[in-house]
Amino acid sequence: LLVALVPLAAFGLLVQRRVRSWWAL
């Protein structure tokens, strides 16, 4: 569950930067 926070945080960082590319998200 703690490890899951890493890709979750990366997803959050990208969307906060307004990244919409499906291949990244």
mmCIF file of all heavy atoms, coordinates in Angstrom:
data_MODEL
# 
_entry.id   MODEL 
# 
loop_
_atom_site.group_PDB 
_atom_site.id 
_atom_site.type_symbol 
_atom_site.label_atom_id 
_atom_site.label_alt_id 
_atom_site.label_comp_id 
_atom_site.label_asym_id 
_atom_site.label_entity_id 
_atom_site.label_seq_id 
_atom_site.pdbx_PDB_ins_code 
_atom_site.Cartn_x 
_atom_site.Cartn_y 
_atom_site.Cartn_z 
_atom_site.occupancy 
_atom_site.B_iso_or_equiv 
_atom_site.pdbx_formal_charge 
_atom_site.auth_seq_id 
_atom_site.auth_comp_id 
_atom_site.auth_asym_id 
_atom_site.auth_atom_id 
_atom_site.pdbx_PDB_model_num 
ATOM 1   N N   . LEU A 1 1  ? 0.832  -1.205 0.000   1.00 0.00 ? 1  LEU A N   1 
ATOM 2   C CA  . LEU A 1 1  ? 0.000  0.000  0.000   1.00 0.00 ? 1  LEU A CA  1 
ATOM 3   C C   . LEU A 1 1  ? 0.865  1.252  0.000   1.00 0.00 ? 1  LEU A C   1 
ATOM 4   O O   . LEU A 1 1  ? 0.550  2.243  -0.676  1.00 0.00 ? 1  LEU A O   1 
ATOM 5   C CB  . LEU A 1 1  ? -0.924 -0.018 1.219   1.00 0.00 ? 1  LEU A CB  1 
ATOM 6   C CG  . LEU A 1 1  ? -2.139 0.906  1.197   1.00 0.00 ? 1  LEU A CG  1 
ATOM 7   C CD1 . LEU A 1 1  ? -3.018 0.616  -0.011  1.00 0.00 ? 1  LEU A CD1 1 
ATOM 8   C CD2 . LEU A 1 1  ? -2.938 0.763  2.482   1.00 0.00 ? 1  LEU A CD2 1 
ATOM 9   N N   . LEU A 1 2  ? 1.968  1.217  0.745   1.00 0.00 ? 2  LEU A N   1 
ATOM 10  C CA  . LEU A 1 2  ? 2.894  2.356  0.751   1.00 0.00 ? 2  LEU A CA  1 
ATOM 11  C C   . LEU A 1 2  ? 3.568  2.516  -0.610  1.00 0.00 ? 2  LEU A C   1 
ATOM 12  O O   . LEU A 1 2  ? 3.745  3.636  -1.106  1.00 0.00 ? 2  LEU A O   1 
ATOM 13  C CB  . LEU A 1 2  ? 3.951  2.172  1.843   1.00 0.00 ? 2  LEU A CB  1 
ATOM 14  C CG  . LEU A 1 2  ? 3.460  2.343  3.291   1.00 0.00 ? 2  LEU A CG  1 
ATOM 15  C CD1 . LEU A 1 2  ? 4.569  1.975  4.271   1.00 0.00 ? 2  LEU A CD1 1 
ATOM 16  C CD2 . LEU A 1 2  ? 3.003  3.776  3.516   1.00 0.00 ? 2  LEU A CD2 1 
ATOM 17  N N   . VAL A 1 3  ? 3.947  1.389  -1.226  1.00 0.00 ? 3  VAL A N   1 
ATOM 18  C CA  . VAL A 1 3  ? 4.576  1.452  -2.557  1.00 0.00 ? 3  VAL A CA  1 
ATOM 19  C C   . VAL A 1 3  ? 3.601  2.032  -3.574  1.00 0.00 ? 3  VAL A C   1 
ATOM 20  O O   . VAL A 1 3  ? 3.995  2.743  -4.501  1.00 0.00 ? 3  VAL A O   1 
ATOM 21  C CB  . VAL A 1 3  ? 5.057  0.051  -2.994  1.00 0.00 ? 3  VAL A CB  1 
ATOM 22  C CG1 . VAL A 1 3  ? 5.582  0.077  -4.429  1.00 0.00 ? 3  VAL A CG1 1 
ATOM 23  C CG2 . VAL A 1 3  ? 6.141  -0.451 -2.057  1.00 0.00 ? 3  VAL A CG2 1 
ATOM 24  N N   . ALA A 1 4  ? 2.293  1.756  -3.399  1.00 0.00 ? 4  ALA A N   1 
ATOM 25  C CA  . ALA A 1 4  ? 1.285  2.278  -4.332  1.00 0.00 ? 4  ALA A CA  1 
ATOM 26  C C   . ALA A 1 4  ? 1.237  3.797  -4.317  1.00 0.00 ? 4  ALA A C   1 
ATOM 27  O O   . ALA A 1 4  ? 0.780  4.420  -5.287  1.00 0.00 ? 4  ALA A O   1 
ATOM 28  C CB  . ALA A 1 4  ? -0.092 1.703  -3.975  1.00 0.00 ? 4  ALA A CB  1 
ATOM 29  N N   . LEU A 1 5  ? 1.710  4.405  -3.226  1.00 0.00 ? 5  LEU A N   1 
ATOM 30  C CA  . LEU A 1 5  ? 1.713  5.866  -3.149  1.00 0.00 ? 5  LEU A CA  1 
ATOM 31  C C   . LEU A 1 5  ? 2.679  6.489  -4.149  1.00 0.00 ? 5  LEU A C   1 
ATOM 32  O O   . LEU A 1 5  ? 2.506  7.648  -4.531  1.00 0.00 ? 5  LEU A O   1 
ATOM 33  C CB  . LEU A 1 5  ? 2.093  6.312  -1.729  1.00 0.00 ? 5  LEU A CB  1 
ATOM 34  C CG  . LEU A 1 5  ? 1.099  5.934  -0.621  1.00 0.00 ? 5  LEU A CG  1 
ATOM 35  C CD1 . LEU A 1 5  ? 1.638  6.382  0.728   1.00 0.00 ? 5  LEU A CD1 1 
ATOM 36  C CD2 . LEU A 1 5  ? -0.259 6.564  -0.892  1.00 0.00 ? 5  LEU A CD2 1 
ATOM 37  N N   . VAL A 1 6  ? 3.690  5.720  -4.591  1.00 0.00 ? 6  VAL A N   1 
ATOM 38  C CA  . VAL A 1 6  ? 4.683  6.267  -5.536  1.00 0.00 ? 6  VAL A CA  1 
ATOM 39  C C   . VAL A 1 6  ? 4.051  6.545  -6.899  1.00 0.00 ? 6  VAL A C   1 
ATOM 40  O O   . VAL A 1 6  ? 4.082  7.680  -7.385  1.00 0.00 ? 6  VAL A O   1 
ATOM 41  C CB  . VAL A 1 6  ? 5.895  5.322  -5.662  1.00 0.00 ? 6  VAL A CB  1 
ATOM 42  C CG1 . VAL A 1 6  ? 6.884  5.853  -6.707  1.00 0.00 ? 6  VAL A CG1 1 
ATOM 43  C CG2 . VAL A 1 6  ? 6.594  5.164  -4.310  1.00 0.00 ? 6  VAL A CG2 1 
ATOM 44  N N   . PRO A 1 7  ? 3.447  5.540  -7.575  1.00 0.00 ? 7  PRO A N   1 
ATOM 45  C CA  . PRO A 1 7  ? 2.792  5.857  -8.857  1.00 0.00 ? 7  PRO A CA  1 
ATOM 46  C C   . PRO A 1 7  ? 1.595  6.787  -8.681  1.00 0.00 ? 7  PRO A C   1 
ATOM 47  O O   . PRO A 1 7  ? 1.299  7.576  -9.572  1.00 0.00 ? 7  PRO A O   1 
ATOM 48  C CB  . PRO A 1 7  ? 2.363  4.484  -9.396  1.00 0.00 ? 7  PRO A CB  1 
ATOM 49  C CG  . PRO A 1 7  ? 2.292  3.597  -8.201  1.00 0.00 ? 7  PRO A CG  1 
ATOM 50  C CD  . PRO A 1 7  ? 3.368  4.083  -7.279  1.00 0.00 ? 7  PRO A CD  1 
ATOM 51  N N   . LEU A 1 8  ? 0.926  6.716  -7.520  1.00 0.00 ? 8  LEU A N   1 
ATOM 52  C CA  . LEU A 1 8  ? -0.196 7.627  -7.254  1.00 0.00 ? 8  LEU A CA  1 
ATOM 53  C C   . LEU A 1 8  ? 0.306  9.067  -7.201  1.00 0.00 ? 8  LEU A C   1 
ATOM 54  O O   . LEU A 1 8  ? -0.316 9.973  -7.780  1.00 0.00 ? 8  LEU A O   1 
ATOM 55  C CB  . LEU A 1 8  ? -0.873 7.254  -5.943  1.00 0.00 ? 8  LEU A CB  1 
ATOM 56  C CG  . LEU A 1 8  ? -2.014 8.166  -5.478  1.00 0.00 ? 8  LEU A CG  1 
ATOM 57  C CD1 . LEU A 1 8  ? -3.174 8.115  -6.466  1.00 0.00 ? 8  LEU A CD1 1 
ATOM 58  C CD2 . LEU A 1 8  ? -2.495 7.761  -4.081  1.00 0.00 ? 8  LEU A CD2 1 
ATOM 59  N N   . ALA A 1 9  ? 1.440  9.280  -6.514  1.00 0.00 ? 9  ALA A N   1 
ATOM 60  C CA  . ALA A 1 9  ? 2.011  10.626 -6.428  1.00 0.00 ? 9  ALA A CA  1 
ATOM 61  C C   . ALA A 1 9  ? 2.478  11.105 -7.804  1.00 0.00 ? 9  ALA A C   1 
ATOM 62  O O   . ALA A 1 9  ? 2.306  12.287 -8.149  1.00 0.00 ? 9  ALA A O   1 
ATOM 63  C CB  . ALA A 1 9  ? 3.173  10.646 -5.445  1.00 0.00 ? 9  ALA A CB  1 
ATOM 64  N N   . ALA A 1 10 ? 3.062  10.192 -8.599  1.00 0.00 ? 10 ALA A N   1 
ATOM 65  C CA  . ALA A 1 10 ? 3.508  10.571 -9.944  1.00 0.00 ? 10 ALA A CA  1 
ATOM 66  C C   . ALA A 1 10 ? 2.319  10.953 -10.820 1.00 0.00 ? 10 ALA A C   1 
ATOM 67  O O   . ALA A 1 10 ? 2.375  11.927 -11.580 1.00 0.00 ? 10 ALA A O   1 
ATOM 68  C CB  . ALA A 1 10 ? 4.282  9.407  -10.570 1.00 0.00 ? 10 ALA A CB  1 
ATOM 69  N N   . PHE A 1 11 ? 1.230  10.192 -10.703 1.00 0.00 ? 11 PHE A N   1 
ATOM 70  C CA  . PHE A 1 11 ? -0.001 10.521 -11.438 1.00 0.00 ? 11 PHE A CA  1 
ATOM 71  C C   . PHE A 1 11 ? -0.501 11.899 -11.021 1.00 0.00 ? 11 PHE A C   1 
ATOM 72  O O   . PHE A 1 11 ? -0.855 12.736 -11.857 1.00 0.00 ? 11 PHE A O   1 
ATOM 73  C CB  . PHE A 1 11 ? -1.053 9.448  -11.157 1.00 0.00 ? 11 PHE A CB  1 
ATOM 74  C CG  . PHE A 1 11 ? -2.360 9.646  -11.884 1.00 0.00 ? 11 PHE A CG  1 
ATOM 75  C CD1 . PHE A 1 11 ? -2.579 9.042  -13.113 1.00 0.00 ? 11 PHE A CD1 1 
ATOM 76  C CD2 . PHE A 1 11 ? -3.370 10.431 -11.339 1.00 0.00 ? 11 PHE A CD2 1 
ATOM 77  C CE1 . PHE A 1 11 ? -3.792 9.208  -13.787 1.00 0.00 ? 11 PHE A CE1 1 
ATOM 78  C CE2 . PHE A 1 11 ? -4.574 10.614 -12.000 1.00 0.00 ? 11 PHE A CE2 1 
ATOM 79  C CZ  . PHE A 1 11 ? -4.782 9.999  -13.228 1.00 0.00 ? 11 PHE A CZ  1 
ATOM 80  N N   . GLY A 1 12 ? -0.524 12.133 -9.701  1.00 0.00 ? 12 GLY A N   1 
ATOM 81  C CA  . GLY A 1 12 ? -0.982 13.418 -9.203  1.00 0.00 ? 12 GLY A CA  1 
ATOM 82  C C   . GLY A 1 12 ? -0.118 14.569 -9.664  1.00 0.00 ? 12 GLY A C   1 
ATOM 83  O O   . GLY A 1 12 ? -0.618 15.650 -9.998  1.00 0.00 ? 12 GLY A O   1 
ATOM 84  N N   . LEU A 1 13 ? 1.206  14.350 -9.698  1.00 0.00 ? 13 LEU A N   1 
ATOM 85  C CA  . LEU A 1 13 ? 2.125  15.402 -10.143 1.00 0.00 ? 13 LEU A CA  1 
ATOM 86  C C   . LEU A 1 13 ? 1.869  15.764 -11.601 1.00 0.00 ? 13 LEU A C   1 
ATOM 87  O O   . LEU A 1 13 ? 1.847  16.953 -11.965 1.00 0.00 ? 13 LEU A O   1 
ATOM 88  C CB  . LEU A 1 13 ? 3.573  14.937 -9.955  1.00 0.00 ? 13 LEU A CB  1 
ATOM 89  C CG  . LEU A 1 13 ? 4.667  15.923 -10.389 1.00 0.00 ? 13 LEU A CG  1 
ATOM 90  C CD1 . LEU A 1 13 ? 4.608  17.186 -9.550  1.00 0.00 ? 13 LEU A CD1 1 
ATOM 91  C CD2 . LEU A 1 13 ? 6.049  15.269 -10.283 1.00 0.00 ? 13 LEU A CD2 1 
ATOM 92  N N   . LEU A 1 14 ? 1.640  14.746 -12.439 1.00 0.00 ? 14 LEU A N   1 
ATOM 93  C CA  . LEU A 1 14 ? 1.413  15.007 -13.861 1.00 0.00 ? 14 LEU A CA  1 
ATOM 94  C C   . LEU A 1 14 ? 0.097  15.753 -14.089 1.00 0.00 ? 14 LEU A C   1 
ATOM 95  O O   . LEU A 1 14 ? 0.044  16.706 -14.867 1.00 0.00 ? 14 LEU A O   1 
ATOM 96  C CB  . LEU A 1 14 ? 1.408  13.687 -14.643 1.00 0.00 ? 14 LEU A CB  1 
ATOM 97  C CG  . LEU A 1 14 ? 2.763  12.984 -14.788 1.00 0.00 ? 14 LEU A CG  1 
ATOM 98  C CD1 . LEU A 1 14 ? 2.600  11.683 -15.565 1.00 0.00 ? 14 LEU A CD1 1 
ATOM 99  C CD2 . LEU A 1 14 ? 3.776  13.883 -15.492 1.00 0.00 ? 14 LEU A CD2 1 
ATOM 100 N N   . VAL A 1 15 ? -0.967 15.320 -13.408 1.00 0.00 ? 15 VAL A N   1 
ATOM 101 C CA  . VAL A 1 15 ? -2.252 15.991 -13.640 1.00 0.00 ? 15 VAL A CA  1 
ATOM 102 C C   . VAL A 1 15 ? -2.246 17.407 -13.056 1.00 0.00 ? 15 VAL A C   1 
ATOM 103 O O   . VAL A 1 15 ? -2.909 18.303 -13.594 1.00 0.00 ? 15 VAL A O   1 
ATOM 104 C CB  . VAL A 1 15 ? -3.437 15.175 -13.069 1.00 0.00 ? 15 VAL A CB  1 
ATOM 105 C CG1 . VAL A 1 15 ? -3.617 13.878 -13.840 1.00 0.00 ? 15 VAL A CG1 1 
ATOM 106 C CG2 . VAL A 1 15 ? -3.272 14.908 -11.582 1.00 0.00 ? 15 VAL A CG2 1 
ATOM 107 N N   . GLN A 1 16 ? -1.495 17.613 -11.965 1.00 0.00 ? 16 GLN A N   1 
ATOM 108 C CA  . GLN A 1 16 ? -1.382 18.962 -11.429 1.00 0.00 ? 16 GLN A CA  1 
ATOM 109 C C   . GLN A 1 16 ? -0.638 19.879 -12.390 1.00 0.00 ? 16 GLN A C   1 
ATOM 110 O O   . GLN A 1 16 ? -0.854 21.093 -12.411 1.00 0.00 ? 16 GLN A O   1 
ATOM 111 C CB  . GLN A 1 16 ? -0.668 18.943 -10.075 1.00 0.00 ? 16 GLN A CB  1 
ATOM 112 C CG  . GLN A 1 16 ? -1.480 18.328 -8.939  1.00 0.00 ? 16 GLN A CG  1 
ATOM 113 C CD  . GLN A 1 16 ? -2.740 19.118 -8.608  1.00 0.00 ? 16 GLN A CD  1 
ATOM 114 O OE1 . GLN A 1 16 ? -2.758 20.344 -8.714  1.00 0.00 ? 16 GLN A OE1 1 
ATOM 115 N NE2 . GLN A 1 16 ? -3.805 18.416 -8.217  1.00 0.00 ? 16 GLN A NE2 1 
ATOM 116 N N   . ARG A 1 17 ? 0.225  19.286 -13.202 1.00 0.00 ? 17 ARG A N   1 
ATOM 117 C CA  . ARG A 1 17 ? 0.929  20.052 -14.241 1.00 0.00 ? 17 ARG A CA  1 
ATOM 118 C C   . ARG A 1 17 ? 0.146  20.090 -15.550 1.00 0.00 ? 17 ARG A C   1 
ATOM 119 O O   . ARG A 1 17 ? 0.673  20.480 -16.590 1.00 0.00 ? 17 ARG A O   1 
ATOM 120 C CB  . ARG A 1 17 ? 2.319  19.455 -14.482 1.00 0.00 ? 17 ARG A CB  1 
ATOM 121 C CG  . ARG A 1 17 ? 3.270  19.631 -13.290 1.00 0.00 ? 17 ARG A CG  1 
ATOM 122 C CD  . ARG A 1 17 ? 4.603  18.965 -13.559 1.00 0.00 ? 17 ARG A CD  1 
ATOM 123 N NE  . ARG A 1 17 ? 5.536  19.182 -12.479 1.00 0.00 ? 17 ARG A NE  1 
ATOM 124 C CZ  . ARG A 1 17 ? 6.363  20.216 -12.379 1.00 0.00 ? 17 ARG A CZ  1 
ATOM 125 N NH1 . ARG A 1 17 ? 6.357  21.136 -13.329 1.00 0.00 ? 17 ARG A NH1 1 
ATOM 126 N NH2 . ARG A 1 17 ? 7.178  20.337 -11.358 1.00 0.00 ? 17 ARG A NH2 1 
ATOM 127 N N   . ARG A 1 18 ? -1.100 19.624 -15.486 1.00 0.00 ? 18 ARG A N   1 
ATOM 128 C CA  . ARG A 1 18 ? -2.025 19.661 -16.630 1.00 0.00 ? 18 ARG A CA  1 
ATOM 129 C C   . ARG A 1 18 ? -1.600 18.752 -17.779 1.00 0.00 ? 18 ARG A C   1 
ATOM 130 O O   . ARG A 1 18 ? -1.867 19.019 -18.946 1.00 0.00 ? 18 ARG A O   1 
ATOM 131 C CB  . ARG A 1 18 ? -2.193 21.083 -17.140 1.00 0.00 ? 18 ARG A CB  1 
ATOM 132 C CG  . ARG A 1 18 ? -3.284 21.916 -16.478 1.00 0.00 ? 18 ARG A CG  1 
ATOM 133 C CD  . ARG A 1 18 ? -3.133 22.009 -15.005 1.00 0.00 ? 18 ARG A CD  1 
ATOM 134 N NE  . ARG A 1 18 ? -4.266 22.697 -14.383 1.00 0.00 ? 18 ARG A NE  1 
ATOM 135 C CZ  . ARG A 1 18 ? -4.361 22.912 -13.085 1.00 0.00 ? 18 ARG A CZ  1 
ATOM 136 N NH1 . ARG A 1 18 ? -3.421 22.495 -12.258 1.00 0.00 ? 18 ARG A NH1 1 
ATOM 137 N NH2 . ARG A 1 18 ? -5.406 23.529 -12.577 1.00 0.00 ? 18 ARG A NH2 1 
ATOM 138 N N   . VAL A 1 19 ? -0.946 17.642 -17.453 1.00 0.00 ? 19 VAL A N   1 
ATOM 139 C CA  . VAL A 1 19 ? -0.584 16.650 -18.469 1.00 0.00 ? 19 VAL A CA  1 
ATOM 140 C C   . VAL A 1 19 ? -1.806 15.778 -18.734 1.00 0.00 ? 19 VAL A C   1 
ATOM 141 O O   . VAL A 1 19 ? -2.392 15.208 -17.802 1.00 0.00 ? 19 VAL A O   1 
ATOM 142 C CB  . VAL A 1 19 ? 0.596  15.774 -18.001 1.00 0.00 ? 19 VAL A CB  1 
ATOM 143 C CG1 . VAL A 1 19 ? 0.860  14.655 -19.005 1.00 0.00 ? 19 VAL A CG1 1 
ATOM 144 C CG2 . VAL A 1 19 ? 1.845  16.631 -17.820 1.00 0.00 ? 19 VAL A CG2 1 
ATOM 145 N N   . ARG A 1 20 ? -2.224 15.656 -20.001 1.00 0.00 ? 20 ARG A N   1 
ATOM 146 C CA  . ARG A 1 20 ? -3.403 14.865 -20.355 1.00 0.00 ? 20 ARG A CA  1 
ATOM 147 C C   . ARG A 1 20 ? -3.076 13.652 -21.208 1.00 0.00 ? 20 ARG A C   1 
ATOM 148 O O   . ARG A 1 20 ? -3.967 12.929 -21.624 1.00 0.00 ? 20 ARG A O   1 
ATOM 149 C CB  . ARG A 1 20 ? -4.404 15.743 -21.120 1.00 0.00 ? 20 ARG A CB  1 
ATOM 150 C CG  . ARG A 1 20 ? -4.899 16.950 -20.347 1.00 0.00 ? 20 ARG A CG  1 
ATOM 151 C CD  . ARG A 1 20 ? -5.989 17.667 -21.127 1.00 0.00 ? 20 ARG A CD  1 
ATOM 152 N NE  . ARG A 1 20 ? -6.507 18.836 -20.423 1.00 0.00 ? 20 ARG A NE  1 
ATOM 153 C CZ  . ARG A 1 20 ? -7.541 19.550 -20.829 1.00 0.00 ? 20 ARG A CZ  1 
ATOM 154 N NH1 . ARG A 1 20 ? -8.166 19.206 -21.948 1.00 0.00 ? 20 ARG A NH1 1 
ATOM 155 N NH2 . ARG A 1 20 ? -7.959 20.590 -20.137 1.00 0.00 ? 20 ARG A NH2 1 
ATOM 156 N N   . SER A 1 21 ? -1.820 13.414 -21.478 1.00 0.00 ? 21 SER A N   1 
ATOM 157 C CA  . SER A 1 21 ? -1.410 12.334 -22.386 1.00 0.00 ? 21 SER A CA  1 
ATOM 158 C C   . SER A 1 21 ? -1.736 10.976 -21.774 1.00 0.00 ? 21 SER A C   1 
ATOM 159 O O   . SER A 1 21 ? -1.249 10.632 -20.687 1.00 0.00 ? 21 SER A O   1 
ATOM 160 C CB  . SER A 1 21 ? 0.090  12.425 -22.671 1.00 0.00 ? 21 SER A CB  1 
ATOM 161 O OG  . SER A 1 21 ? 0.423  13.694 -23.191 1.00 0.00 ? 21 SER A OG  1 
ATOM 162 N N   . TRP A 1 22 ? -2.545 10.187 -22.476 1.00 0.00 ? 22 TRP A N   1 
ATOM 163 C CA  . TRP A 1 22 ? -2.962 8.896  -21.950 1.00 0.00 ? 22 TRP A CA  1 
ATOM 164 C C   . TRP A 1 22 ? -1.789 7.952  -21.772 1.00 0.00 ? 22 TRP A C   1 
ATOM 165 O O   . TRP A 1 22 ? -1.770 7.138  -20.836 1.00 0.00 ? 22 TRP A O   1 
ATOM 166 C CB  . TRP A 1 22 ? -4.013 8.260  -22.876 1.00 0.00 ? 22 TRP A CB  1 
ATOM 167 C CG  . TRP A 1 22 ? -3.473 7.869  -24.220 1.00 0.00 ? 22 TRP A CG  1 
ATOM 168 C CD1 . TRP A 1 22 ? -3.479 8.613  -25.350 1.00 0.00 ? 22 TRP A CD1 1 
ATOM 169 C CD2 . TRP A 1 22 ? -2.845 6.625  -24.557 1.00 0.00 ? 22 TRP A CD2 1 
ATOM 170 N NE1 . TRP A 1 22 ? -2.895 7.927  -26.388 1.00 0.00 ? 22 TRP A NE1 1 
ATOM 171 C CE2 . TRP A 1 22 ? -2.485 6.701  -25.922 1.00 0.00 ? 22 TRP A CE2 1 
ATOM 172 C CE3 . TRP A 1 22 ? -2.532 5.463  -23.835 1.00 0.00 ? 22 TRP A CE3 1 
ATOM 173 C CZ2 . TRP A 1 22 ? -1.838 5.654  -26.587 1.00 0.00 ? 22 TRP A CZ2 1 
ATOM 174 C CZ3 . TRP A 1 22 ? -1.886 4.424  -24.494 1.00 0.00 ? 22 TRP A CZ3 1 
ATOM 175 C CH2 . TRP A 1 22 ? -1.553 4.528  -25.857 1.00 0.00 ? 22 TRP A CH2 1 
ATOM 176 N N   . TRP A 1 23 ? -0.783 8.023  -22.664 1.00 0.00 ? 23 TRP A N   1 
ATOM 177 C CA  . TRP A 1 23 ? 0.350  7.108  -22.590 1.00 0.00 ? 23 TRP A CA  1 
ATOM 178 C C   . TRP A 1 23 ? 1.191  7.351  -21.335 1.00 0.00 ? 23 TRP A C   1 
ATOM 179 O O   . TRP A 1 23 ? 1.961  6.473  -20.910 1.00 0.00 ? 23 TRP A O   1 
ATOM 180 C CB  . TRP A 1 23 ? 1.238  7.239  -23.830 1.00 0.00 ? 23 TRP A CB  1 
ATOM 181 C CG  . TRP A 1 23 ? 1.660  8.643  -24.159 1.00 0.00 ? 23 TRP A CG  1 
ATOM 182 C CD1 . TRP A 1 23 ? 1.064  9.511  -25.008 1.00 0.00 ? 23 TRP A CD1 1 
ATOM 183 C CD2 . TRP A 1 23 ? 2.779  9.347  -23.611 1.00 0.00 ? 23 TRP A CD2 1 
ATOM 184 N NE1 . TRP A 1 23 ? 1.725  10.714 -25.037 1.00 0.00 ? 23 TRP A NE1 1 
ATOM 185 C CE2 . TRP A 1 23 ? 2.790  10.637 -24.195 1.00 0.00 ? 23 TRP A CE2 1 
ATOM 186 C CE3 . TRP A 1 23 ? 3.779  9.007  -22.696 1.00 0.00 ? 23 TRP A CE3 1 
ATOM 187 C CZ2 . TRP A 1 23 ? 3.761  11.587 -23.871 1.00 0.00 ? 23 TRP A CZ2 1 
ATOM 188 C CZ3 . TRP A 1 23 ? 4.748  9.955  -22.380 1.00 0.00 ? 23 TRP A CZ3 1 
ATOM 189 C CH2 . TRP A 1 23 ? 4.736  11.229 -22.967 1.00 0.00 ? 23 TRP A CH2 1 
ATOM 190 N N   . ALA A 1 24 ? 1.055  8.514  -20.700 1.00 0.00 ? 24 ALA A N   1 
ATOM 191 C CA  . ALA A 1 24 ? 1.772  8.789  -19.458 1.00 0.00 ? 24 ALA A CA  1 
ATOM 192 C C   . ALA A 1 24 ? 0.893  8.479  -18.238 1.00 0.00 ? 24 ALA A C   1 
ATOM 193 O O   . ALA A 1 24 ? 1.383  7.957  -17.231 1.00 0.00 ? 24 ALA A O   1 
ATOM 194 C CB  . ALA A 1 24 ? 2.214  10.253 -19.416 1.00 0.00 ? 24 ALA A CB  1 
ATOM 195 N N   . LEU A 1 25 ? -0.398 8.778  -18.320 1.00 0.00 ? 25 LEU A N   1 
ATOM 196 C CA  . LEU A 1 25 ? -1.273 8.646  -17.160 1.00 0.00 ? 25 LEU A CA  1 
ATOM 197 C C   . LEU A 1 25 ? -1.822 7.235  -16.969 1.00 0.00 ? 25 LEU A C   1 
ATOM 198 O O   . LEU A 1 25 ? -1.890 6.744  -15.836 1.00 0.00 ? 25 LEU A O   1 
ATOM 199 C CB  . LEU A 1 25 ? -2.440 9.635  -17.281 1.00 0.00 ? 25 LEU A CB  1 
ATOM 200 C CG  . LEU A 1 25 ? -2.068 11.121 -17.302 1.00 0.00 ? 25 LEU A CG  1 
ATOM 201 C CD1 . LEU A 1 25 ? -3.318 11.975 -17.492 1.00 0.00 ? 25 LEU A CD1 1 
ATOM 202 C CD2 . LEU A 1 25 ? -1.350 11.516 -16.022 1.00 0.00 ? 25 LEU A CD2 1 
# 
